[in-house]
Amino acid sequence: MLEPDPRLWTAIESIRMIRFVYHGKDRLAEPHDHGILNGSVQLLSWQVAGSSSRTLPNWLLAKVDEISDLVILDQTFPGVRPTASGKHIQWEVLFIRVKPATRHLQAGSQ
């Protein structure tokens, strides 16, 4: 059954970094979107460190059933990050999308 991963939901909801292994590579990332794409449960994250075949930081779209050793870290991140195209993935089902961090309120705002 295609359902959200509760650990990824928690990480996205609390704007916390994650560490995981994907395709044999250790990765450190900001989880952004979690949903169903092309018939499988996937995660869109902004990978900031670890191993990758591409230059980092960079976007990583990962099939959740191929992720292992997932750890939610105490470290938070700023939340929503702009994409180069300005567009989001068109998910078949979007479970959760990261929101902007609310703790960085500007001085004088009500």
PDB file of N, CA and C in Angstrom:
ATOM      1  N   MET A   1       0.840  -1.191   0.000  1.00  0.00           N
ATOM      2  CA  MET A   1       0.000   0.000   0.000  1.00  0.00           C
ATOM      3  C   MET A   1       0.882   1.251   0.000  1.00  0.00           C
ATOM      4  N   LEU A   2       0.492   2.245  -0.754  1.00  0.00           N
ATOM      5  CA  LEU A   2       1.290   3.454  -0.894  1.00  0.00           C
ATOM      6  C   LEU A   2       0.899   4.461   0.181  1.00  0.00           C
ATOM      7  N   GLU A   3       1.681   4.486   1.261  1.00  0.00           N
ATOM      8  CA  GLU A   3       1.398   5.359   2.393  1.00  0.00           C
ATOM      9  C   GLU A   3       2.646   6.147   2.769  1.00  0.00           C
ATOM     10  N   PRO A   4       2.460   7.274   3.459  1.00  0.00           N
ATOM     11  CA  PRO A   4       3.621   8.059   3.876  1.00  0.00           C
ATOM     12  C   PRO A   4       4.455   7.324   4.928  1.00  0.00           C
ATOM     13  N   ASP A   5       5.739   7.590   4.920  1.00  0.00           N
ATOM     14  CA  ASP A   5       6.645   7.078   5.943  1.00  0.00           C
ATOM     15  C   ASP A   5       6.534   8.011   7.145  1.00  0.00           C
ATOM     16  N   PRO A   6       6.131   7.510   8.314  1.00  0.00           N
ATOM     17  CA  PRO A   6       5.930   8.395   9.470  1.00  0.00           C
ATOM     18  C   PRO A   6       7.200   9.124   9.906  1.00  0.00           C
ATOM     19  N   ARG A   7       8.363   8.524   9.678  1.00  0.00           N
ATOM     20  CA  ARG A   7       9.620   9.195  10.048  1.00  0.00           C
ATOM     21  C   ARG A   7       9.868  10.403   9.141  1.00  0.00           C
ATOM     22  N   LEU A   8       9.603  10.232   7.849  1.00  0.00           N
ATOM     23  CA  LEU A   8       9.791  11.351   6.920  1.00  0.00           C
ATOM     24  C   LEU A   8       8.763  12.442   7.195  1.00  0.00           C
ATOM     25  N   TRP A   9       7.535  12.047   7.505  1.00  0.00           N
ATOM     26  CA  TRP A   9       6.489  13.014   7.840  1.00  0.00           C
ATOM     27  C   TRP A   9       6.953  13.862   9.033  1.00  0.00           C
ATOM     28  N   THR A  10       7.451  13.199  10.077  1.00  0.00           N
ATOM     29  CA  THR A  10       7.922  13.896  11.278  1.00  0.00           C
ATOM     30  C   THR A  10       9.076  14.846  10.951  1.00  0.00           C
ATOM     31  N   ALA A  11      10.022  14.378  10.156  1.00  0.00           N
ATOM     32  CA  ALA A  11      11.181  15.208   9.802  1.00  0.00           C
ATOM     33  C   ALA A  11      10.747  16.442   9.024  1.00  0.00           C
ATOM     34  N   ILE A  12       9.838  16.283   8.076  1.00  0.00           N
ATOM     35  CA  ILE A  12       9.371  17.416   7.268  1.00  0.00           C
ATOM     36  C   ILE A  12       8.557  18.372   8.132  1.00  0.00           C
ATOM     37  N   GLU A  13       7.665  17.832   8.936  1.00  0.00           N
ATOM     38  CA  GLU A  13       6.810  18.657   9.780  1.00  0.00           C
ATOM     39  C   GLU A  13       7.622  19.469  10.794  1.00  0.00           C
ATOM     40  N   SER A  14       8.693  18.884  11.322  1.00  0.00           N
ATOM     41  CA  SER A  14       9.513  19.570  12.328  1.00  0.00           C
ATOM     42  C   SER A  14      10.741  20.261  11.730  1.00  0.00           C
ATOM     43  N   ILE A  15      10.845  20.265  10.396  1.00  0.00           N
ATOM     44  CA  ILE A  15      11.923  20.939   9.658  1.00  0.00           C
ATOM     45  C   ILE A  15      13.296  20.498  10.180  1.00  0.00           C
ATOM     46  N   ARG A  16      13.467  19.156  10.257  1.00  0.00           N
ATOM     47  CA  ARG A  16      14.723  18.594  10.752  1.00  0.00           C
ATOM     48  C   ARG A  16      15.474  17.849   9.656  1.00  0.00           C
ATOM     49  N   MET A  17      16.787  17.996   9.687  1.00  0.00           N
ATOM     50  CA  MET A  17      17.668  17.324   8.732  1.00  0.00           C
ATOM     51  C   MET A  17      17.571  15.811   8.921  1.00  0.00           C
ATOM     52  N   ILE A  18      17.879  15.080   7.857  1.00  0.00           N
ATOM     53  CA  ILE A  18      17.919  13.626   7.925  1.00  0.00           C
ATOM     54  C   ILE A  18      19.231  13.107   7.351  1.00  0.00           C
ATOM     55  N   ARG A  19      19.631  11.943   7.834  1.00  0.00           N
ATOM     56  CA  ARG A  19      20.776  11.213   7.280  1.00  0.00           C
ATOM     57  C   ARG A  19      20.243   9.853   6.855  1.00  0.00           C
ATOM     58  N   PHE A  20      20.670   9.388   5.684  1.00  0.00           N
ATOM     59  CA  PHE A  20      20.199   8.095   5.199  1.00  0.00           C
ATOM     60  C   PHE A  20      21.156   7.559   4.150  1.00  0.00           C
ATOM     61  N   VAL A  21      20.975   6.288   3.818  1.00  0.00           N
ATOM     62  CA  VAL A  21      21.741   5.654   2.751  1.00  0.00           C
ATOM     63  C   VAL A  21      20.789   5.422   1.588  1.00  0.00           C
ATOM     64  N   TYR A  22      21.223   5.846   0.400  1.00  0.00           N
ATOM     65  CA  TYR A  22      20.432   5.652  -0.818  1.00  0.00           C
ATOM     66  C   TYR A  22      21.374   5.235  -1.925  1.00  0.00           C
ATOM     67  N   HIS A  23      21.076   4.107  -2.545  1.00  0.00           N
ATOM     68  CA  HIS A  23      21.917   3.537  -3.608  1.00  0.00           C
ATOM     69  C   HIS A  23      23.365   3.418  -3.155  1.00  0.00           C
ATOM     70  N   GLY A  24      23.553   2.969  -1.909  1.00  0.00           N
ATOM     71  CA  GLY A  24      24.889   2.705  -1.382  1.00  0.00           C
ATOM     72  C   GLY A  24      25.675   3.923  -0.946  1.00  0.00           C
ATOM     73  N   LYS A  25      25.047   5.093  -0.976  1.00  0.00           N
ATOM     74  CA  LYS A  25      25.755   6.331  -0.613  1.00  0.00           C
ATOM     75  C   LYS A  25      25.121   6.956   0.631  1.00  0.00           C
ATOM     76  N   ASP A  26      25.971   7.373   1.575  1.00  0.00           N
ATOM     77  CA  ASP A  26      25.514   8.060   2.777  1.00  0.00           C
ATOM     78  C   ASP A  26      25.187   9.502   2.410  1.00  0.00           C
ATOM     79  N   ARG A  27      24.025   9.992   2.853  1.00  0.00           N
ATOM     80  CA  ARG A  27      23.573  11.329   2.443  1.00  0.00           C
ATOM     81  C   ARG A  27      23.049  12.115   3.633  1.00  0.00           C
ATOM     82  N   LEU A  28      23.287  13.411   3.622  1.00  0.00           N
ATOM     83  CA  LEU A  28      22.755  14.344   4.614  1.00  0.00           C
ATOM     84  C   LEU A  28      21.883  15.317   3.844  1.00  0.00           C
ATOM     85  N   ALA A  29      20.607  15.450   4.263  1.00  0.00           N
ATOM     86  CA  ALA A  29      19.677  16.213   3.427  1.00  0.00           C
ATOM     87  C   ALA A  29      18.591  16.904   4.233  1.00  0.00           C
ATOM     88  N   GLU A  30      17.996  17.904   3.583  1.00  0.00           N
ATOM     89  CA  GLU A  30      16.805  18.595   4.075  1.00  0.00           C
ATOM     90  C   GLU A  30      15.611  17.951   3.362  1.00  0.00           C
ATOM     91  N   PRO A  31      14.709  17.278   4.094  1.00  0.00           N
ATOM     92  CA  PRO A  31      13.545  16.687   3.430  1.00  0.00           C
ATOM     93  C   PRO A  31      12.515  17.764   3.087  1.00  0.00           C
ATOM     94  N   HIS A  32      12.050  17.793   1.852  1.00  0.00           N
ATOM     95  CA  HIS A  32      11.137  18.845   1.407  1.00  0.00           C
ATOM     96  C   HIS A  32       9.742  18.349   1.058  1.00  0.00           C
ATOM     97  N   ASP A  33       9.641  17.392   0.136  1.00  0.00           N
ATOM     98  CA  ASP A  33       8.348  16.872  -0.302  1.00  0.00           C
ATOM     99  C   ASP A  33       8.331  15.360  -0.117  1.00  0.00           C
ATOM    100  N   HIS A  34       7.159  14.844   0.240  1.00  0.00           N
ATOM    101  CA  HIS A  34       6.994  13.401   0.397  1.00  0.00           C
ATOM    102  C   HIS A  34       5.640  13.058  -0.217  1.00  0.00           C
ATOM    103  N   GLY A  35       5.669  12.143  -1.196  1.00  0.00           N
ATOM    104  CA  GLY A  35       4.420  11.810  -1.863  1.00  0.00           C
ATOM    105  C   GLY A  35       4.561  10.626  -2.793  1.00  0.00           C
ATOM    106  N   ILE A  36       3.564  10.489  -3.667  1.00  0.00           N
ATOM    107  CA  ILE A  36       3.560   9.410  -4.651  1.00  0.00           C
ATOM    108  C   ILE A  36       3.835  10.012  -6.025  1.00  0.00           C
ATOM    109  N   LEU A  37       4.828   9.450  -6.709  1.00  0.00           N
ATOM    110  CA  LEU A  37       5.212   9.878  -8.048  1.00  0.00           C
ATOM    111  C   LEU A  37       5.522   8.628  -8.859  1.00  0.00           C
ATOM    112  N   ASN A  38       4.977   8.552 -10.056  1.00  0.00           N
ATOM    113  CA  ASN A  38       5.193   7.394 -10.932  1.00  0.00           C
ATOM    114  C   ASN A  38       4.862   6.081 -10.231  1.00  0.00           C
ATOM    115  N   GLY A  39       3.812   6.111  -9.397  1.00  0.00           N
ATOM    116  CA  GLY A  39       3.331   4.902  -8.756  1.00  0.00           C
ATOM    117  C   GLY A  39       4.132   4.413  -7.568  1.00  0.00           C
ATOM    118  N   SER A  40       5.118   5.204  -7.093  1.00  0.00           N
ATOM    119  CA  SER A  40       5.880   4.786  -5.911  1.00  0.00           C
ATOM    120  C   SER A  40       6.013   5.940  -4.917  1.00  0.00           C
ATOM    121  N   VAL A  41       6.175   5.581  -3.649  1.00  0.00           N
ATOM    122  CA  VAL A  41       6.338   6.574  -2.591  1.00  0.00           C
ATOM    123  C   VAL A  41       7.758   7.119  -2.682  1.00  0.00           C
ATOM    124  N   GLN A  42       7.866   8.463  -2.765  1.00  0.00           N
ATOM    125  CA  GLN A  42       9.176   9.086  -2.961  1.00  0.00           C
ATOM    126  C   GLN A  42       9.380  10.271  -2.023  1.00  0.00           C
ATOM    127  N   LEU A  43      10.636  10.680  -1.928  1.00  0.00           N
ATOM    128  CA  LEU A  43      11.051  11.824  -1.124  1.00  0.00           C
ATOM    129  C   LEU A  43      11.868  12.750  -2.000  1.00  0.00           C
ATOM    130  N   LEU A  44      11.530  14.030  -1.968  1.00  0.00           N
ATOM    131  CA  LEU A  44      12.362  15.043  -2.609  1.00  0.00           C
ATOM    132  C   LEU A  44      13.102  15.756  -1.494  1.00  0.00           C
ATOM    133  N   SER A  45      14.430  15.727  -1.569  1.00  0.00           N
ATOM    134  CA  SER A  45      15.233  16.377  -0.537  1.00  0.00           C
ATOM    135  C   SER A  45      16.337  17.207  -1.181  1.00  0.00           C
ATOM    136  N   TRP A  46      16.855  18.147  -0.393  1.00  0.00           N
ATOM    137  CA  TRP A  46      17.990  18.983  -0.795  1.00  0.00           C
ATOM    138  C   TRP A  46      19.199  18.381  -0.096  1.00  0.00           C
ATOM    139  N   GLN A  47      20.011  17.637  -0.853  1.00  0.00           N
ATOM    140  CA  GLN A  47      21.186  16.977  -0.263  1.00  0.00           C
ATOM    141  C   GLN A  47      22.309  17.976  -0.117  1.00  0.00           C
ATOM    142  N   VAL A  48      22.812  18.123   1.106  1.00  0.00           N
ATOM    143  CA  VAL A  48      23.841  19.130   1.391  1.00  0.00           C
ATOM    144  C   VAL A  48      25.220  18.525   1.630  1.00  0.00           C
ATOM    145  N   ALA A  49      25.289  17.239   1.967  1.00  0.00           N
ATOM    146  CA  ALA A  49      26.583  16.601   2.236  1.00  0.00           C
ATOM    147  C   ALA A  49      26.458  15.102   2.035  1.00  0.00           C
ATOM    148  N   GLY A  50      27.586  14.436   2.120  1.00  0.00           N
ATOM    149  CA  GLY A  50      27.630  12.995   1.923  1.00  0.00           C
ATOM    150  C   GLY A  50      28.123  12.674   0.526  1.00  0.00           C
ATOM    151  N   SER A  51      27.795  11.495   0.064  1.00  0.00           N
ATOM    152  CA  SER A  51      28.238  11.037  -1.253  1.00  0.00           C
ATOM    153  C   SER A  51      27.140  11.245  -2.289  1.00  0.00           C
ATOM    154  N   SER A  52      27.557  11.592  -3.490  1.00  0.00           N
ATOM    155  CA  SER A  52      26.618  11.756  -4.591  1.00  0.00           C
ATOM    156  C   SER A  52      27.385  11.695  -5.898  1.00  0.00           C
ATOM    157  N   SER A  53      26.704  11.281  -6.950  1.00  0.00           N
ATOM    158  CA  SER A  53      27.332  11.288  -8.275  1.00  0.00           C
ATOM    159  C   SER A  53      27.247  12.684  -8.894  1.00  0.00           C
ATOM    160  N   ARG A  54      26.503  13.601  -8.223  1.00  0.00           N
ATOM    161  CA  ARG A  54      26.363  14.967  -8.726  1.00  0.00           C
ATOM    162  C   ARG A  54      27.014  15.952  -7.754  1.00  0.00           C
ATOM    163  N   THR A  55      27.250  17.165  -8.224  1.00  0.00           N
ATOM    164  CA  THR A  55      27.794  18.220  -7.378  1.00  0.00           C
ATOM    165  C   THR A  55      26.793  18.556  -6.281  1.00  0.00           C
ATOM    166  N   LEU A  56      27.282  18.736  -5.066  1.00  0.00           N
ATOM    167  CA  LEU A  56      26.415  19.103  -3.938  1.00  0.00           C
ATOM    168  C   LEU A  56      26.628  20.560  -3.568  1.00  0.00           C
ATOM    169  N   PRO A  57      25.611  21.212  -3.008  1.00  0.00           N
ATOM    170  CA  PRO A  57      24.274  20.691  -2.736  1.00  0.00           C
ATOM    171  C   PRO A  57      23.463  20.553  -4.024  1.00  0.00           C
ATOM    172  N   ASN A  58      22.450  19.657  -3.956  1.00  0.00           N
ATOM    173  CA  ASN A  58      21.620  19.417  -5.131  1.00  0.00           C
ATOM    174  C   ASN A  58      20.336  18.701  -4.704  1.00  0.00           C
ATOM    175  N   TRP A  59      19.325  18.780  -5.541  1.00  0.00           N
ATOM    176  CA  TRP A  59      18.065  18.080  -5.280  1.00  0.00           C
ATOM    177  C   TRP A  59      18.260  16.593  -5.503  1.00  0.00           C
ATOM    178  N   LEU A  60      17.600  15.783  -4.661  1.00  0.00           N
ATOM    179  CA  LEU A  60      17.635  14.334  -4.790  1.00  0.00           C
ATOM    180  C   LEU A  60      16.208  13.818  -4.674  1.00  0.00           C
ATOM    181  N   LEU A  61      15.766  13.106  -5.690  1.00  0.00           N
ATOM    182  CA  LEU A  61      14.468  12.441  -5.664  1.00  0.00           C
ATOM    183  C   LEU A  61      14.747  10.966  -5.409  1.00  0.00           C
ATOM    184  N   ALA A  62      14.231  10.436  -4.291  1.00  0.00           N
ATOM    185  CA  ALA A  62      14.561   9.073  -3.886  1.00  0.00           C
ATOM    186  C   ALA A  62      13.301   8.250  -3.649  1.00  0.00           C
ATOM    187  N   LYS A  63      13.328   7.004  -4.103  1.00  0.00           N
ATOM    188  CA  LYS A  63      12.244   6.076  -3.803  1.00  0.00           C
ATOM    189  C   LYS A  63      12.409   5.631  -2.358  1.00  0.00           C
ATOM    190  N   VAL A  64      11.367   5.827  -1.557  1.00  0.00           N
ATOM    191  CA  VAL A  64      11.448   5.572  -0.119  1.00  0.00           C
ATOM    192  C   VAL A  64      11.798   4.117   0.184  1.00  0.00           C
ATOM    193  N   ASP A  65      11.297   3.176  -0.620  1.00  0.00           N
ATOM    194  CA  ASP A  65      11.599   1.765  -0.341  1.00  0.00           C
ATOM    195  C   ASP A  65      13.051   1.396  -0.645  1.00  0.00           C
ATOM    196  N   GLU A  66      13.814   2.333  -1.217  1.00  0.00           N
ATOM    197  CA  GLU A  66      15.240   2.107  -1.474  1.00  0.00           C
ATOM    198  C   GLU A  66      16.122   2.891  -0.498  1.00  0.00           C
ATOM    199  N   ILE A  67      15.502   3.583   0.468  1.00  0.00           N
ATOM    200  CA  ILE A  67      16.228   4.321   1.509  1.00  0.00           C
ATOM    201  C   ILE A  67      16.447   3.384   2.691  1.00  0.00           C
ATOM    202  N   SER A  68      17.652   3.413   3.259  1.00  0.00           N
ATOM    203  CA  SER A  68      17.918   2.625   4.465  1.00  0.00           C
ATOM    204  C   SER A  68      18.645   3.493   5.487  1.00  0.00           C
ATOM    205  N   ASP A  69      18.714   2.996   6.704  1.00  0.00           N
ATOM    206  CA  ASP A  69      19.444   3.658   7.803  1.00  0.00           C
ATOM    207  C   ASP A  69      19.021   5.118   7.987  1.00  0.00           C
ATOM    208  N   LEU A  70      17.726   5.377   7.898  1.00  0.00           N
ATOM    209  CA  LEU A  70      17.210   6.740   8.039  1.00  0.00           C
ATOM    210  C   LEU A  70      17.268   7.190   9.496  1.00  0.00           C
ATOM    211  N   VAL A  71      17.859   8.371   9.719  1.00  0.00           N
ATOM    212  CA  VAL A  71      17.944   8.961  11.047  1.00  0.00           C
ATOM    213  C   VAL A  71      17.468  10.406  10.959  1.00  0.00           C
ATOM    214  N   ILE A  72      16.562  10.786  11.856  1.00  0.00           N
ATOM    215  CA  ILE A  72      16.146  12.184  11.957  1.00  0.00           C
ATOM    216  C   ILE A  72      17.104  12.870  12.914  1.00  0.00           C
ATOM    217  N   LEU A  73      17.723  13.939  12.465  1.00  0.00           N
ATOM    218  CA  LEU A  73      18.721  14.645  13.274  1.00  0.00           C
ATOM    219  C   LEU A  73      18.073  15.773  14.070  1.00  0.00           C
ATOM    220  N   ASP A  74      18.774  16.249  15.091  1.00  0.00           N
ATOM    221  CA  ASP A  74      18.280  17.377  15.885  1.00  0.00           C
ATOM    222  C   ASP A  74      18.418  18.696  15.120  1.00  0.00           C
ATOM    223  N   GLN A  75      19.333  18.730  14.156  1.00  0.00           N
ATOM    224  CA  GLN A  75      19.605  19.949  13.384  1.00  0.00           C
ATOM    225  C   GLN A  75      18.409  20.305  12.510  1.00  0.00           C
ATOM    226  N   THR A  76      18.006  21.573  12.551  1.00  0.00           N
ATOM    227  CA  THR A  76      16.904  22.045  11.709  1.00  0.00           C
ATOM    228  C   THR A  76      17.467  22.767  10.491  1.00  0.00           C
ATOM    229  N   PHE A  77      16.578  23.127   9.567  1.00  0.00           N
ATOM    230  CA  PHE A  77      16.966  23.880   8.374  1.00  0.00           C
ATOM    231  C   PHE A  77      15.903  24.945   8.123  1.00  0.00           C
ATOM    232  N   PRO A  78      16.177  25.912   7.238  1.00  0.00           N
ATOM    233  CA  PRO A  78      15.275  27.065   7.090  1.00  0.00           C
ATOM    234  C   PRO A  78      13.889  26.771   6.532  1.00  0.00           C
ATOM    235  N   GLY A  79      13.639  25.605   6.009  1.00  0.00           N
ATOM    236  CA  GLY A  79      12.331  25.316   5.437  1.00  0.00           C
ATOM    237  C   GLY A  79      12.363  25.409   3.932  1.00  0.00           C
ATOM    238  N   VAL A  80      11.310  25.946   3.354  1.00  0.00           N
ATOM    239  CA  VAL A  80      11.160  26.011   1.896  1.00  0.00           C
ATOM    240  C   VAL A  80      12.403  26.598   1.239  1.00  0.00           C
ATOM    241  N   ARG A  81      12.805  25.960   0.141  1.00  0.00           N
ATOM    242  CA  ARG A  81      13.977  26.394  -0.623  1.00  0.00           C
ATOM    243  C   ARG A  81      13.516  26.609  -2.066  1.00  0.00           C
ATOM    244  N   PRO A  82      13.885  27.733  -2.672  1.00  0.00           N
ATOM    245  CA  PRO A  82      13.459  27.957  -4.057  1.00  0.00           C
ATOM    246  C   PRO A  82      14.111  26.964  -5.017  1.00  0.00           C
ATOM    247  N   THR A  83      13.384  26.617  -6.070  1.00  0.00           N
ATOM    248  CA  THR A  83      13.937  25.745  -7.102  1.00  0.00           C
ATOM    249  C   THR A  83      14.427  26.606  -8.262  1.00  0.00           C
ATOM    250  N   ALA A  84      15.369  26.085  -9.019  1.00  0.00           N
ATOM    251  CA  ALA A  84      15.929  26.839 -10.143  1.00  0.00           C
ATOM    252  C   ALA A  84      14.841  27.211 -11.152  1.00  0.00           C
ATOM    253  N   SER A  85      13.899  26.292 -11.363  1.00  0.00           N
ATOM    254  CA  SER A  85      12.842  26.527 -12.350  1.00  0.00           C
ATOM    255  C   SER A  85      11.681  27.328 -11.760  1.00  0.00           C
ATOM    256  N   GLY A  86      11.628  27.381 -10.420  1.00  0.00           N
ATOM    257  CA  GLY A  86      10.509  28.037  -9.765  1.00  0.00           C
ATOM    258  C   GLY A  86       9.270  27.166  -9.711  1.00  0.00           C
ATOM    259  N   LYS A  87       9.387  25.908 -10.159  1.00  0.00           N
ATOM    260  CA  LYS A  87       8.253  24.990 -10.207  1.00  0.00           C
ATOM    261  C   LYS A  87       8.461  23.834  -9.240  1.00  0.00           C
ATOM    262  N   HIS A  88       7.373  23.237  -8.806  1.00  0.00           N
ATOM    263  CA  HIS A  88       7.412  22.054  -7.960  1.00  0.00           C
ATOM    264  C   HIS A  88       7.104  20.830  -8.809  1.00  0.00           C
ATOM    265  N   ILE A  89       7.515  19.676  -8.312  1.00  0.00           N
ATOM    266  CA  ILE A  89       7.147  18.409  -8.932  1.00  0.00           C
ATOM    267  C   ILE A  89       5.626  18.280  -8.899  1.00  0.00           C
ATOM    268  N   GLN A  90       5.062  17.752  -9.956  1.00  0.00           N
ATOM    269  CA  GLN A  90       3.623  17.488  -9.989  1.00  0.00           C
ATOM    270  C   GLN A  90       3.397  16.076  -9.448  1.00  0.00           C
ATOM    271  N   TRP A  91       3.181  15.987  -8.141  1.00  0.00           N
ATOM    272  CA  TRP A  91       2.980  14.706  -7.473  1.00  0.00           C
ATOM    273  C   TRP A  91       1.606  14.132  -7.827  1.00  0.00           C
ATOM    274  N   GLU A  92       1.523  12.806  -7.919  1.00  0.00           N
ATOM    275  CA  GLU A  92       0.223  12.162  -8.051  1.00  0.00           C
ATOM    276  C   GLU A  92      -0.547  12.366  -6.748  1.00  0.00           C
ATOM    277  N   VAL A  93       0.150  12.166  -5.622  1.00  0.00           N
ATOM    278  CA  VAL A  93      -0.383  12.453  -4.295  1.00  0.00           C
ATOM    279  C   VAL A  93       0.749  13.106  -3.502  1.00  0.00           C
ATOM    280  N   LEU A  94       0.481  14.267  -2.936  1.00  0.00           N
ATOM    281  CA  LEU A  94       1.472  14.918  -2.073  1.00  0.00           C
ATOM    282  C   LEU A  94       1.043  14.707  -0.631  1.00  0.00           C
ATOM    283  N   PHE A  95       1.854  13.971   0.132  1.00  0.00           N
ATOM    284  CA  PHE A  95       1.529  13.711   1.534  1.00  0.00           C
ATOM    285  C   PHE A  95       1.799  14.944   2.388  1.00  0.00           C
ATOM    286  N   ILE A  96       3.000  15.510   2.226  1.00  0.00           N
ATOM    287  CA  ILE A  96       3.412  16.649   3.046  1.00  0.00           C
ATOM    288  C   ILE A  96       4.515  17.416   2.322  1.00  0.00           C
ATOM    289  N   ARG A  97       4.497  18.740   2.483  1.00  0.00           N
ATOM    290  CA  ARG A  97       5.530  19.621   1.917  1.00  0.00           C
ATOM    291  C   ARG A  97       6.029  20.507   3.047  1.00  0.00           C
ATOM    292  N   VAL A  98       7.334  20.709   3.078  1.00  0.00           N
ATOM    293  CA  VAL A  98       7.924  21.540   4.131  1.00  0.00           C
ATOM    294  C   VAL A  98       7.391  22.969   4.032  1.00  0.00           C
ATOM    295  N   LYS A  99       7.234  23.587   5.173  1.00  0.00           N
ATOM    296  CA  LYS A  99       6.779  24.978   5.233  1.00  0.00           C
ATOM    297  C   LYS A  99       7.944  25.849   5.672  1.00  0.00           C
ATOM    298  N   PRO A 100       7.835  27.149   5.497  1.00  0.00           N
ATOM    299  CA  PRO A 100       8.901  28.025   5.987  1.00  0.00           C
ATOM    300  C   PRO A 100       9.005  27.932   7.508  1.00  0.00           C
ATOM    301  N   ALA A 101      10.206  28.039   8.008  1.00  0.00           N
ATOM    302  CA  ALA A 101      10.395  28.045   9.464  1.00  0.00           C
ATOM    303  C   ALA A 101       9.697  29.263  10.035  1.00  0.00           C
ATOM    304  N   THR A 102       9.031  29.105  11.170  1.00  0.00           N
ATOM    305  CA  THR A 102       8.280  30.211  11.765  1.00  0.00           C
ATOM    306  C   THR A 102       9.037  30.862  12.911  1.00  0.00           C
ATOM    307  N   ARG A 103      10.119  30.246  13.346  1.00  0.00           N
ATOM    308  CA  ARG A 103      10.821  30.791  14.507  1.00  0.00           C
ATOM    309  C   ARG A 103      11.696  31.991  14.160  1.00  0.00           C
ATOM    310  N   HIS A 104      11.864  32.293  12.882  1.00  0.00           N
ATOM    311  CA  HIS A 104      12.699  33.411  12.460  1.00  0.00           C
ATOM    312  C   HIS A 104      11.817  34.620  12.114  1.00  0.00           C
ATOM    313  N   LEU A 105      10.999  35.033  13.046  1.00  0.00           N
ATOM    314  CA  LEU A 105      10.104  36.171  12.807  1.00  0.00           C
ATOM    315  C   LEU A 105      10.907  37.463  12.763  1.00  0.00           C
ATOM    316  N   GLN A 106      10.516  38.340  11.874  1.00  0.00           N
ATOM    317  CA  GLN A 106      11.215  39.614  11.761  1.00  0.00           C
ATOM    318  C   GLN A 106      10.816  40.514  12.922  1.00  0.00           C
ATOM    319  N   ALA A 107      11.743  41.345  13.351  1.00  0.00           N
ATOM    320  CA  ALA A 107      11.475  42.273  14.448  1.00  0.00           C
ATOM    321  C   ALA A 107      10.326  43.205  14.053  1.00  0.00           C
ATOM    322  N   GLY A 108       9.427  43.412  14.983  1.00  0.00           N
ATOM    323  CA  GLY A 108       8.333  44.339  14.747  1.00  0.00           C
ATOM    324  C   GLY A 108       7.109  43.704  14.120  1.00  0.00           C
ATOM    325  N   SER A 109       7.197  42.424  13.726  1.00  0.00           N
ATOM    326  CA  SER A 109       6.015  41.805  13.123  1.00  0.00           C
ATOM    327  C   SER A 109       5.078  41.340  14.236  1.00  0.00           C
ATOM    328  N   GLN A 110       3.800  41.369  13.953  1.00  0.00           N
ATOM    329  CA  GLN A 110       2.784  40.992  14.949  1.00  0.00           C
ATOM    330  C   GLN A 110       2.373  39.554  14.744  1.00  0.00           C
TER     331      GLN A 110
END
